[in-house]
Every structure is written in structure tokens, then in C-alpha cells.
Amino acid sequence: MFAPKPASVVRLSRSGSQRCFATAAQVVFQNEGVEFVPRTTPYEVKSTTLENGSKVVSIQSDTASSGVALFIPAGSRYETREETGVSQFAKHMVFQRTQTKSPIFVVRDVETLVGRYSSAISRDSFILSARVEPTNFSALRDSWLDSLQPQFHEYIIRDLYPTIELESQAAEQDPNTIFTELLHATAFRHVGLGRGLYCPSSRVGSIGPQLVEGFWKRRVVGAVPHTWVGVGVNHEQLVESAQKRAKASSEQSSPSTYYGGDATVSLDINTRVGIVFKGASENDKDLPALAVLSAITGGDTRYSHDGPGRGVTSRLYKNVLKKLDAVQATATLNASYSDAGLWGVYAEALPGNATRVVELLASELASIKKEGVNPKEFEAARNRAKAAFLREVDCPSALVQYLGRKASASGALLTPTDFVSRLDKLTAEDVSKVAKTVLSSPVTLVGLGDVAGLPLARDVQSKLN
């Protein structure tokens, strides 16, 4: 998978914040023409917005345990240049000493209430999430609110250094993480969503308590709106929780602007190439169409020569992976954030094949832009996209993450029912139109590994015009 290895650092997956090399289509039917049977019971979403903009979103569920999460706009995109890497420290602060408890009691109190608990940082948000019995939600909420008031003694920050260094070094040594970070930095020019998810390992020891406390007070505690999400949790209890955290903030968040461009990192590994464009944000009307387009190009996380059921009907498999034996894997990127997104294609090949790989990828993208998608492949891809999406939101934890991302983003809330409804109304012409718009945006071309002979972004752009 194209995701960072340390699971405790950040989750670029459907169950976490944002997924990078993935799409909403992962199920491949043996019979491409099979009719998909949708969920018969619609998702009934309750939503409340407080005066300060904080949101509460819930769905009732009959499951024995409930899913709950708190999304705070304190992801890495909100760091200043001086605060680079501080959000990674913030993620760990909820397990530290508070005004009333020592660290061991903070952890003990949570573990006695929940079956699963995590703290994560995405580019958009700082996220607390848990699986809990509905009767324990009030106690969990109080424990969370207390943990959001940590102490910032110097010894506490210093004790985090080994953990942060381990996470950062793992990220800096993982080619997939390097590629993902390079891609975002290039597409957004190191600003906003272009800021890294990890503190550079060389910088860890220079971050002190004042810097962490300043970011915490400015973003984690001071900034609104916050978003409370629950599946199987009483809506009024969630509203009460949000009101306890309701504080006005004068700080405004700047939107991230997509630019495009070129970036390469030369390493003694396989060649990795990504051709990426401006995608859709979390609540964008074009998001369902991009999910179908991703299923057409190659909607699994990573298509390779691993055997049957690995996307043999996708365009990337048929027209890239099979045409060049040196290609080891292909994938489609479909990453959505609160106010922006990325969509594109990726390939990994043996060294010495950068030029040919880009030619194959660019040729396939040009074909989609100029010829569009045909009705037969559209119907099959829509079935796969719908099946994968419903499987994605089929458990409380995943549904909470989905709702949290959508509710935290700009625009009208795209509920699961809305998403499926929009998929049903799509036509092949709709997807072709969205594909043409996306592929007309500036190109981001990123290469990692043996990048000798890699063309420039403008060369790819000319092939698409």
C-alpha cells in the first residue's frame, strides 16, 4: 500500500484521515456486467451547527458498540514555517499529564471505557476517535476534554523525542511516504496541504515546549469549528459535548491553492512516477464522478502481477502494466481534502524505464481526455465504485471517519446516501466531462528512484492538449 508504515503517525487510509493512492473502487467482479444491489436502508444523518460554526453529525445504529470522533482543524497544513513538525508532537500530547491526571491515569481511564482508541494527525485535522459502548460515551467525553488540557513541561516534550524520531526516520526511509510527501509539496508548493505530515528527524530535538504549547493553544484549543461525530451515539449528547468546547476564534484559515510542477528525488531503488492533476474536495459535486473514473483507470490501491482479481480490466492494467514488462505496479490517486484534492495515475517500474513509463501513462490519459469513457466500461466501473464505497462505510469506525471528513470540509455535507444517489444519477457523459476538466488542469509530475530521462511536466501537458 502507498501509505506510511508507522500506523501511529498518520492514517492515509479509509479508516483514517485521507487516503492517497486509493480510490472508492476496490471490488472487482468476475462478471463485469453484474447488477449491484444497493443498501436498502438509507443512512439517516442528523446534523447540528452551533453559532460559532462547530458541527455535530450523527447516525443511529443498532450495533453493540458505537463509534465516536472529534475532528479539530489542527492538521499539518496549519503549521507556520517556525512550527514545522509541531503537529506530530500535538498528536501525542493527549496521552500526557493533564491538570488533574498523570499519564498513566489518562491512559487507564480511556482504556477502561473503550475497545479501541486512537489519536491521529492528517493534513486537515487532529482527530480523536474511539469505539465505545453507548452508556460509556459521557465518561469518554469527559476524559477527552480533560486530555485536551495537557501540561507542557520541558521533560514531557523531551520524553517524546525518541518516539517522534522513530516515526520520522521510518517515514524518511520509506519510498512510498517520500513519494507521497514530495507529491503534495510540489502540487501545493510547500504551503497549506503542501506541508509535510512528519517532523524532519533533524529538527525533532530543536522543538521545545513553548512551540508545542503555542500551536496547541492556537489551533487545538483556540480554533473553531470543531466537529463531533457519532454512530450509535445520542445526538443530543454530542451537541452537549460540542457546546462544552464551543469557543469563538478570530483566526481565519487560508485555502490551499493547487499549482502543479515538477519534482524528482534520485535514489537507488525502482522508478516511481506520478502524473497528477487538480482533483475534488471532500464535498465537491464531482467527487462521485472521480470515483467512477478512478475505477475505470485502475481503482485498486495497487495493481500488480500478483494473480487473478487484481484489476485486469482496468485501463492502467491493460495499457500500461501489460505493455511493459518492467512495470511492477500501477495505481490511481484520488485524494480529497477539506478545500482541495488531487487526482492522477502512478506507476512503479524497474530502473531505466522512466521515459517509457511516462509515455504510457500520458498516452492513456490523453485517450481518456479526447475520447472519454464508453457506456460499457462506465456501468462496470460504477458498480465497482458503489460496492467499494458501501463496504468502506459498513462499520461504525469507518463511517465516523467518513462523516468527520465531510462535516469538517467546506460545502454542504455529502452524506453516504447522497454519495450513492449521485453515483446512480451519473452517466458516461458526466464522467467524460469531469475527466476532461481534471486533465486540463496543470500537471504535477513527480519522480522517485532512477529518474534519468524523466520528461518535464510541460512535456506531459503538451501531450494532453
Protein backbone atom coordinates (compact mmCIF):
# COMPACT_ATOMS: atom_id res chain seq x y z
CA MET A 1 0.00 0.00 0.00
CA PHE A 2 1.09 3.54 -0.65
CA ALA A 3 0.86 4.69 2.93
CA PRO A 4 3.31 5.49 5.70
CA LYS A 5 4.50 2.46 7.64
CA PRO A 6 4.15 3.75 11.23
CA ALA A 7 0.39 3.36 11.76
CA SER A 8 0.50 5.55 14.85
CA VAL A 9 1.73 8.57 12.93
CA VAL A 10 -0.97 9.20 10.41
CA ARG A 11 -3.52 7.12 8.62
CA LEU A 12 -3.69 7.65 4.89
CA SER A 13 -6.48 5.15 4.62
CA ARG A 14 -10.23 4.88 4.50
CA SER A 15 -10.34 4.31 8.26
CA GLY A 16 -8.15 7.29 8.91
CA SER A 17 -7.87 10.79 7.60
CA GLN A 18 -7.21 10.79 3.92
CA ARG A 19 -6.15 8.05 1.57
CA CYS A 20 -3.61 8.87 -1.10
CA PHE A 21 -3.02 6.05 -3.54
CA ALA A 22 -6.52 4.68 -3.37
CA THR A 23 -9.96 5.31 -4.72
CA ALA A 24 -13.53 4.45 -3.93
CA ALA A 25 -13.33 1.30 -6.06
CA GLN A 26 -11.67 -1.79 -4.73
CA VAL A 27 -14.03 -4.67 -5.54
CA VAL A 28 -13.62 -6.30 -8.94
CA PHE A 29 -16.48 -8.50 -10.10
CA GLN A 30 -15.82 -11.65 -12.09
CA ASN A 31 -18.80 -10.69 -14.22
CA GLU A 32 -18.33 -7.05 -15.17
CA GLY A 33 -21.98 -6.70 -16.11
CA VAL A 34 -23.35 -7.80 -12.74
CA GLU A 35 -26.08 -5.61 -11.31
CA PHE A 36 -25.22 -4.13 -7.93
CA VAL A 37 -27.88 -4.35 -5.20
CA PRO A 38 -27.63 -1.19 -3.09
CA ARG A 39 -28.23 -0.83 0.63
CA THR A 40 -31.98 -0.87 1.26
CA THR A 41 -31.94 1.24 4.44
CA PRO A 42 -30.80 4.85 3.84
CA TYR A 43 -28.34 6.48 6.22
CA GLU A 44 -30.36 8.92 8.33
CA VAL A 45 -27.92 11.65 9.24
CA LYS A 46 -28.63 14.25 11.92
CA SER A 47 -26.63 17.45 11.74
CA THR A 48 -26.46 20.49 14.02
CA THR A 49 -24.31 23.60 13.57
CA LEU A 50 -23.55 25.77 16.59
CA GLU A 51 -23.35 29.56 16.50
CA ASN A 52 -19.57 29.52 16.24
CA GLY A 53 -19.60 27.09 13.31
CA SER A 54 -18.80 23.89 15.20
CA LYS A 55 -20.71 20.89 13.87
CA VAL A 56 -22.34 17.79 15.30
CA VAL A 57 -23.17 14.88 12.98
CA SER A 58 -24.65 11.53 13.97
CA ILE A 59 -26.23 8.37 12.59
CA GLN A 60 -28.22 5.96 14.70
CA SER A 61 -27.07 2.35 14.67
CA ASP A 62 -28.16 -0.94 16.22
CA THR A 63 -24.61 -2.20 16.70
CA ALA A 64 -23.49 -3.16 20.21
CA SER A 65 -20.71 -0.56 20.23
CA SER A 66 -20.69 2.98 18.94
CA GLY A 67 -18.15 4.96 17.01
CA VAL A 68 -17.28 8.50 18.05
CA ALA A 69 -14.69 11.02 16.93
CA LEU A 70 -13.64 14.61 17.46
CA PHE A 71 -12.16 16.43 14.46
CA ILE A 72 -10.19 19.59 15.25
CA PRO A 73 -8.77 21.85 12.49
CA ALA A 74 -5.18 21.41 13.64
CA GLY A 75 -3.55 19.33 10.90
CA SER A 76 -0.10 19.92 9.46
CA ARG A 77 -1.46 22.42 6.92
CA TYR A 78 -1.97 24.92 9.75
CA GLU A 79 1.65 24.96 10.87
CA THR A 80 3.68 28.09 10.30
CA ARG A 81 7.22 27.81 8.98
CA GLU A 82 8.55 28.09 12.53
CA GLU A 83 6.14 25.36 13.66
CA THR A 84 7.18 22.78 11.06
CA GLY A 85 6.62 19.32 12.55
CA VAL A 86 4.82 20.51 15.68
CA SER A 87 1.52 18.85 14.76
CA GLN A 88 3.20 15.47 15.11
CA PHE A 89 4.02 16.35 18.72
CA ALA A 90 0.44 17.52 19.27
CA LYS A 91 -0.86 14.08 18.35
CA HIS A 92 0.98 12.57 21.31
CA MET A 93 0.05 15.25 23.85
CA VAL A 94 -3.37 13.71 24.59
CA PHE A 95 -1.60 10.86 26.38
CA GLN A 96 0.45 13.13 28.62
CA ARG A 97 -0.03 14.70 32.05
CA THR A 98 -3.07 16.96 32.39
CA GLN A 99 -4.13 19.44 35.05
CA THR A 100 -5.74 16.64 37.06
CA LYS A 101 -4.14 13.34 35.99
CA SER A 102 -0.78 11.71 35.48
CA PRO A 103 -0.15 9.97 32.11
CA ILE A 104 -0.84 6.50 33.50
CA PHE A 105 -4.28 7.58 34.74
CA VAL A 106 -5.06 9.32 31.44
CA VAL A 107 -4.45 6.07 29.57
CA ARG A 108 -6.11 3.91 32.23
CA ASP A 109 -9.32 5.93 32.22
CA VAL A 110 -9.67 5.71 28.46
CA GLU A 111 -8.81 2.02 28.27
CA THR A 112 -11.47 1.14 30.85
CA LEU A 113 -14.12 2.85 28.68
CA VAL A 114 -13.32 1.91 25.08
CA GLY A 115 -12.41 -1.07 22.99
CA ARG A 116 -10.39 0.95 20.51
CA TYR A 117 -8.90 4.41 20.78
CA SER A 118 -6.60 6.44 18.55
CA SER A 119 -5.12 9.88 18.11
CA ALA A 120 -4.06 10.88 14.61
CA ILE A 121 -2.96 13.86 12.55
CA SER A 122 -3.93 14.38 8.93
CA ARG A 123 -3.14 17.34 6.71
CA ASP A 124 -6.54 18.79 7.63
CA SER A 125 -7.31 17.65 11.17
CA PHE A 126 -6.23 16.48 14.58
CA ILE A 127 -8.50 13.50 15.28
CA LEU A 128 -9.52 11.63 18.40
CA SER A 129 -11.60 8.52 17.70
CA ALA A 130 -12.88 5.53 19.66
CA ARG A 131 -15.23 2.55 19.72
CA VAL A 132 -17.29 2.69 22.90
CA GLU A 133 -20.44 1.28 24.46
CA PRO A 134 -23.17 3.95 24.22
CA THR A 135 -23.56 4.04 28.02
CA ASN A 136 -19.88 4.98 28.39
CA PHE A 137 -19.90 7.91 26.00
CA SER A 138 -20.36 10.64 28.63
CA ALA A 139 -17.41 9.35 30.64
CA LEU A 140 -15.28 9.11 27.50
CA ARG A 141 -16.19 12.67 26.53
CA ASP A 142 -15.14 13.98 29.95
CA SER A 143 -11.87 12.07 29.68
CA TRP A 144 -11.25 13.54 26.23
CA LEU A 145 -11.97 17.08 27.34
CA ASP A 146 -9.53 16.64 30.22
CA SER A 147 -6.83 15.20 27.94
CA LEU A 148 -7.14 18.27 25.74
CA GLN A 149 -5.68 20.30 28.60
CA PRO A 150 -2.18 18.80 28.84
CA GLN A 151 0.79 20.32 30.61
CA PHE A 152 3.79 21.38 28.56
CA HIS A 153 6.71 20.84 30.92
CA GLU A 154 10.07 20.56 29.22
CA TYR A 155 10.61 16.99 30.43
CA ILE A 156 7.29 15.96 28.85
CA ILE A 157 8.34 17.25 25.44
CA ARG A 158 11.81 15.74 25.76
CA ASP A 159 10.32 12.37 26.62
CA LEU A 160 8.55 12.45 23.25
CA TYR A 161 11.78 12.91 21.27
CA PRO A 162 12.60 9.17 20.85
CA THR A 163 9.06 8.37 19.68
CA ILE A 164 8.91 11.27 17.22
CA GLU A 165 12.40 10.49 15.90
CA LEU A 166 11.47 6.85 15.33
CA GLU A 167 8.32 7.81 13.42
CA SER A 168 10.11 10.47 11.37
CA GLN A 169 13.07 8.25 10.48
CA ALA A 170 10.71 5.47 9.39
CA ALA A 171 8.89 7.93 7.13
CA GLU A 172 12.13 9.31 5.71
CA GLN A 173 13.29 5.80 4.80
CA ASP A 174 10.04 4.61 3.23
CA PRO A 175 9.94 5.28 -0.54
CA ASN A 176 6.14 5.39 -0.63
CA THR A 177 5.99 8.02 2.09
CA ILE A 178 8.78 10.04 0.47
CA PHE A 179 6.83 9.95 -2.80
CA THR A 180 3.55 11.00 -1.19
CA GLU A 181 5.16 13.89 0.69
CA LEU A 182 7.05 15.04 -2.41
CA LEU A 183 3.84 14.95 -4.44
CA HIS A 184 1.91 17.16 -2.03
CA ALA A 185 4.81 19.57 -1.54
CA THR A 186 5.09 20.00 -5.32
CA ALA A 187 1.38 20.28 -6.09
CA PHE A 188 0.77 22.88 -3.36
CA ARG A 189 4.26 24.47 -3.29
CA HIS A 190 5.03 23.62 0.33
CA VAL A 191 2.15 25.73 1.63
CA GLY A 192 -1.04 24.50 3.32
CA LEU A 193 -1.68 20.97 2.09
CA GLY A 194 1.88 21.02 0.80
CA ARG A 195 3.29 20.94 4.33
CA GLY A 196 4.68 17.62 5.50
CA LEU A 197 2.95 15.21 7.83
CA TYR A 198 6.16 14.48 9.72
CA CYS A 199 8.64 16.47 11.70
CA PRO A 200 12.04 16.24 9.98
CA SER A 201 14.18 13.98 12.16
CA SER A 202 16.96 16.59 12.17
CA ARG A 203 14.56 19.10 13.70
CA VAL A 204 12.99 17.00 16.46
CA GLY A 205 15.48 17.99 19.17
CA SER A 206 15.03 21.70 18.49
CA ILE A 207 11.29 21.74 19.21
CA GLY A 208 10.62 22.91 22.73
CA PRO A 209 7.57 23.21 24.99
CA GLN A 210 6.83 26.82 24.04
CA LEU A 211 6.46 25.96 20.37
CA VAL A 212 4.20 22.97 21.07
CA GLU A 213 2.11 24.89 23.58
CA GLY A 214 1.74 27.82 21.19
CA PHE A 215 0.42 25.58 18.40
CA TRP A 216 -1.85 23.75 20.84
CA LYS A 217 -3.43 26.94 22.15
CA ARG A 218 -3.77 28.49 18.72
CA ARG A 219 -5.14 25.51 16.82
CA VAL A 220 -6.18 22.59 19.07
CA VAL A 221 -7.85 24.64 21.80
CA GLY A 222 -8.42 28.02 20.22
CA ALA A 223 -9.52 27.33 16.68
CA VAL A 224 -13.05 26.50 15.59
CA PRO A 225 -15.08 24.97 14.11
CA HIS A 226 -14.68 21.57 15.75
CA THR A 227 -16.67 18.58 14.56
CA TRP A 228 -18.17 15.88 16.80
CA VAL A 229 -19.25 12.72 15.01
CA GLY A 230 -21.08 9.70 16.37
CA VAL A 231 -22.53 6.46 15.05
CA GLY A 232 -24.89 4.88 17.56
CA VAL A 233 -24.49 7.83 19.96
CA ASN A 234 -27.33 10.05 21.15
CA HIS A 235 -27.31 13.23 19.06
CA GLU A 236 -28.20 15.50 21.98
CA GLN A 237 -25.23 14.15 23.94
CA LEU A 238 -22.97 15.03 21.06
CA VAL A 239 -24.42 18.54 20.91
CA GLU A 240 -23.77 18.93 24.62
CA SER A 241 -20.18 17.81 24.08
CA ALA A 242 -19.68 20.36 21.31
CA GLN A 243 -21.10 23.13 23.48
CA LYS A 244 -18.55 22.36 26.17
CA ARG A 245 -15.85 23.07 23.59
CA ALA A 246 -17.58 26.00 21.90
CA LYS A 247 -15.11 28.88 21.80
CA ALA A 248 -15.02 31.67 19.28
CA SER A 249 -11.87 32.20 17.22
CA SER A 250 -10.82 35.15 15.12
CA GLU A 251 -8.16 33.18 13.24
CA GLN A 252 -9.01 32.52 9.62
CA SER A 253 -7.66 29.56 7.66
CA SER A 254 -6.30 30.21 4.18
CA PRO A 255 -7.35 27.84 1.41
CA SER A 256 -4.71 25.73 -0.29
CA THR A 257 -4.05 26.55 -3.93
CA TYR A 258 -3.12 23.86 -6.41
CA TYR A 259 -0.21 24.85 -8.66
CA GLY A 260 1.40 21.76 -10.22
CA GLY A 261 5.03 21.47 -11.25
CA ASP A 262 8.00 19.09 -11.30
CA ALA A 263 9.98 17.35 -8.58
CA THR A 264 12.39 14.43 -8.53
CA VAL A 265 14.44 12.59 -5.93
CA SER A 266 17.20 10.30 -7.15
CA LEU A 267 17.55 7.09 -5.13
CA ASP A 268 18.95 3.64 -5.84
CA ILE A 269 15.52 1.99 -5.98
CA ASN A 270 12.82 1.23 -8.52
CA THR A 271 11.49 4.13 -10.56
CA ARG A 272 8.27 5.65 -9.20
CA VAL A 273 6.36 8.12 -11.37
CA GLY A 274 3.16 10.04 -10.67
CA ILE A 275 1.21 12.28 -13.07
CA VAL A 276 -1.30 14.22 -11.02
CA PHE A 277 -3.91 16.96 -11.55
CA LYS A 278 -6.26 19.14 -9.57
CA GLY A 279 -8.91 16.85 -8.05
CA ALA A 280 -12.03 17.35 -5.95
CA SER A 281 -12.50 18.41 -2.33
CA GLU A 282 -14.43 16.30 0.20
CA ASN A 283 -17.89 17.69 -0.65
CA ASP A 284 -17.28 18.57 -4.29
CA LYS A 285 -20.09 17.67 -6.67
CA ASP A 286 -17.58 15.94 -8.95
CA LEU A 287 -16.31 13.52 -6.30
CA PRO A 288 -18.64 10.62 -7.32
CA ALA A 289 -17.63 11.04 -10.97
CA LEU A 290 -13.96 10.89 -10.00
CA ALA A 291 -14.63 7.71 -8.01
CA VAL A 292 -16.00 6.12 -11.19
CA LEU A 293 -13.15 7.49 -13.29
CA SER A 294 -10.70 6.00 -10.80
CA ALA A 295 -12.40 2.63 -11.11
CA ILE A 296 -12.01 2.86 -14.88
CA THR A 297 -8.32 3.70 -14.82
CA GLY A 298 -7.36 1.34 -12.01
CA GLY A 299 -9.26 1.77 -8.81
CA ASP A 300 -7.45 -0.64 -6.50
CA THR A 301 -4.75 0.53 -4.14
CA ARG A 302 -2.06 -1.11 -6.27
CA TYR A 303 -2.43 -3.30 -9.33
CA SER A 304 0.40 -5.71 -9.99
CA HIS A 305 1.21 -9.14 -11.42
CA ASP A 306 0.07 -10.87 -8.23
CA GLY A 307 -2.58 -13.04 -9.86
CA PRO A 308 -6.33 -13.08 -10.61
CA GLY A 309 -8.62 -10.41 -9.26
CA ARG A 310 -6.01 -7.65 -9.42
CA GLY A 311 -7.83 -5.27 -11.74
CA VAL A 312 -7.17 -6.98 -15.06
CA THR A 313 -9.99 -4.98 -16.69
CA SER A 314 -8.66 -1.57 -15.65
CA ARG A 315 -7.06 0.71 -18.23
CA LEU A 316 -3.80 1.00 -16.34
CA TYR A 317 -3.50 -2.77 -16.19
CA LYS A 318 -4.31 -3.34 -19.84
CA ASN A 319 -2.49 -0.39 -21.35
CA VAL A 320 0.45 0.17 -19.02
CA LEU A 321 1.20 -2.86 -16.86
CA LYS A 322 0.78 -5.42 -19.65
CA LYS A 323 2.53 -3.35 -22.32
CA LEU A 324 5.83 -3.04 -20.49
CA ASP A 325 7.22 -5.98 -18.53
CA ALA A 326 9.40 -3.64 -16.49
CA VAL A 327 6.33 -2.06 -14.88
CA GLN A 328 5.83 -3.62 -11.45
CA ALA A 329 2.63 -1.91 -10.33
CA THR A 330 0.14 0.80 -11.23
CA ALA A 331 -2.39 2.76 -9.20
CA THR A 332 -4.86 5.63 -9.35
CA LEU A 333 -4.62 8.52 -6.94
CA ASN A 334 -7.83 10.13 -5.68
CA ALA A 335 -7.14 12.23 -2.59
CA SER A 336 -9.72 14.67 -1.22
CA TYR A 337 -9.22 17.31 1.46
CA SER A 338 -11.40 19.98 3.02
CA ASP A 339 -10.96 22.50 0.22
CA ALA A 340 -8.88 20.84 -2.48
CA GLY A 341 -7.95 17.49 -3.95
CA LEU A 342 -5.59 15.55 -6.19
CA TRP A 343 -6.35 13.03 -8.92
CA GLY A 344 -3.83 11.19 -11.04
CA VAL A 345 -2.06 7.98 -12.02
CA TYR A 346 1.06 6.22 -10.76
CA ALA A 347 3.42 3.51 -11.88
CA GLU A 348 6.41 1.71 -10.37
CA ALA A 349 8.95 0.19 -12.74
CA LEU A 350 12.42 -1.28 -12.81
CA PRO A 351 15.26 1.27 -13.11
CA GLY A 352 15.93 2.71 -16.55
CA ASN A 353 12.30 2.97 -17.65
CA ALA A 354 11.23 6.47 -16.56
CA THR A 355 10.79 7.82 -20.10
CA ARG A 356 8.75 4.87 -21.34
CA VAL A 357 6.54 4.74 -18.25
CA VAL A 358 5.62 8.42 -18.57
CA GLU A 359 4.85 7.90 -22.26
CA LEU A 360 2.44 5.05 -21.47
CA LEU A 361 0.73 6.92 -18.65
CA ALA A 362 0.42 10.13 -20.67
CA SER A 363 -0.94 8.24 -23.67
CA GLU A 364 -3.68 6.67 -21.56
CA LEU A 365 -4.61 10.00 -20.00
CA ALA A 366 -4.72 11.63 -23.45
CA SER A 367 -7.03 8.88 -24.68
CA ILE A 368 -9.43 9.46 -21.77
CA LYS A 369 -9.41 13.22 -22.28
CA LYS A 370 -10.01 13.09 -26.02
CA GLU A 371 -12.27 10.04 -26.35
CA GLY A 372 -13.99 9.95 -22.95
CA VAL A 373 -15.34 6.73 -21.45
CA ASN A 374 -17.67 4.28 -23.16
CA PRO A 375 -21.03 3.22 -21.65
CA LYS A 376 -19.97 -0.41 -21.09
CA GLU A 377 -16.88 0.37 -19.03
CA PHE A 378 -18.81 3.12 -17.25
CA GLU A 379 -21.51 0.75 -15.96
CA ALA A 380 -18.98 -1.80 -14.74
CA ALA A 381 -16.86 0.89 -13.05
CA ARG A 382 -19.88 2.46 -11.36
CA ASN A 383 -20.82 -0.92 -9.90
CA ARG A 384 -17.32 -1.35 -8.53
CA ALA A 385 -17.25 2.18 -7.14
CA LYS A 386 -20.59 1.73 -5.40
CA ALA A 387 -19.72 -1.66 -3.95
CA ALA A 388 -16.41 -0.39 -2.61
CA PHE A 389 -17.95 2.75 -1.14
CA LEU A 390 -20.66 0.89 0.74
CA ARG A 391 -18.10 -1.54 2.05
CA GLU A 392 -15.99 1.44 3.12
CA VAL A 393 -18.76 2.81 5.38
CA ASP A 394 -20.01 -0.57 6.56
CA CYS A 395 -18.72 -0.36 10.16
CA PRO A 396 -19.10 2.39 12.82
CA SER A 397 -15.40 3.33 12.87
CA ALA A 398 -15.15 3.81 9.11
CA LEU A 399 -18.49 5.62 8.96
CA VAL A 400 -17.38 8.01 11.71
CA GLN A 401 -14.21 8.83 9.77
CA TYR A 402 -16.16 9.41 6.58
CA LEU A 403 -18.69 11.72 8.24
CA GLY A 404 -15.96 13.57 10.12
CA ARG A 405 -14.03 14.37 6.97
CA LYS A 406 -17.14 15.54 5.16
CA ALA A 407 -18.55 17.58 8.04
CA SER A 408 -15.18 19.26 8.63
CA ALA A 409 -14.86 20.27 4.99
CA SER A 410 -16.33 23.24 3.20
CA GLY A 411 -19.64 22.94 1.37
CA ALA A 412 -22.85 21.02 2.03
CA LEU A 413 -22.41 17.69 3.83
CA LEU A 414 -22.17 14.81 1.33
CA THR A 415 -23.84 12.01 3.29
CA PRO A 416 -23.40 8.35 2.31
CA THR A 417 -26.91 8.34 0.89
CA ASP A 418 -26.15 11.46 -1.14
CA PHE A 419 -22.98 9.89 -2.50
CA VAL A 420 -24.76 6.72 -3.63
CA SER A 421 -27.63 8.77 -5.09
CA ARG A 422 -25.19 10.84 -7.14
CA LEU A 423 -23.46 7.69 -8.35
CA ASP A 424 -26.83 6.34 -9.54
CA LYS A 425 -27.57 9.53 -11.49
CA LEU A 426 -24.21 9.67 -13.27
CA THR A 427 -23.88 8.99 -16.97
CA ALA A 428 -20.85 8.13 -19.08
CA GLU A 429 -21.01 11.66 -20.49
CA ASP A 430 -20.84 13.13 -16.97
CA VAL A 431 -17.67 11.19 -16.17
CA SER A 432 -16.11 12.10 -19.53
CA LYS A 433 -16.81 15.78 -18.90
CA VAL A 434 -15.27 15.71 -15.41
CA ALA A 435 -12.28 13.78 -16.75
CA LYS A 436 -11.67 16.42 -19.42
CA THR A 437 -11.86 19.21 -16.82
CA VAL A 438 -9.44 17.49 -14.44
CA LEU A 439 -6.98 16.56 -17.18
CA SER A 440 -6.97 20.18 -18.40
CA SER A 441 -5.57 21.43 -15.08
CA PRO A 442 -1.81 22.00 -14.60
CA VAL A 443 0.25 18.81 -14.42
CA THR A 444 2.20 17.74 -11.36
CA LEU A 445 4.94 15.31 -12.40
CA VAL A 446 6.87 13.59 -9.60
CA GLY A 447 9.62 11.03 -9.95
CA LEU A 448 11.47 8.98 -7.34
CA GLY A 449 14.28 6.45 -7.73
CA ASP A 450 16.05 6.18 -11.08
CA VAL A 451 14.66 9.32 -12.73
CA ALA A 452 17.12 9.53 -15.64
CA GLY A 453 15.28 10.60 -18.77
CA LEU A 454 12.14 11.71 -16.93
CA PRO A 455 10.29 14.33 -19.04
CA LEU A 456 9.07 17.63 -17.64
CA ALA A 457 5.52 18.44 -16.59
CA ARG A 458 5.15 20.75 -19.59
CA ASP A 459 6.04 17.84 -21.90
CA VAL A 460 3.22 15.77 -20.42
CA GLN A 461 0.87 18.76 -20.61
CA SER A 462 1.59 19.14 -24.34
CA LYS A 463 0.69 15.50 -24.97
CA LEU A 464 -2.71 16.09 -23.37
CA ASN A 465 -3.56 19.24 -25.33
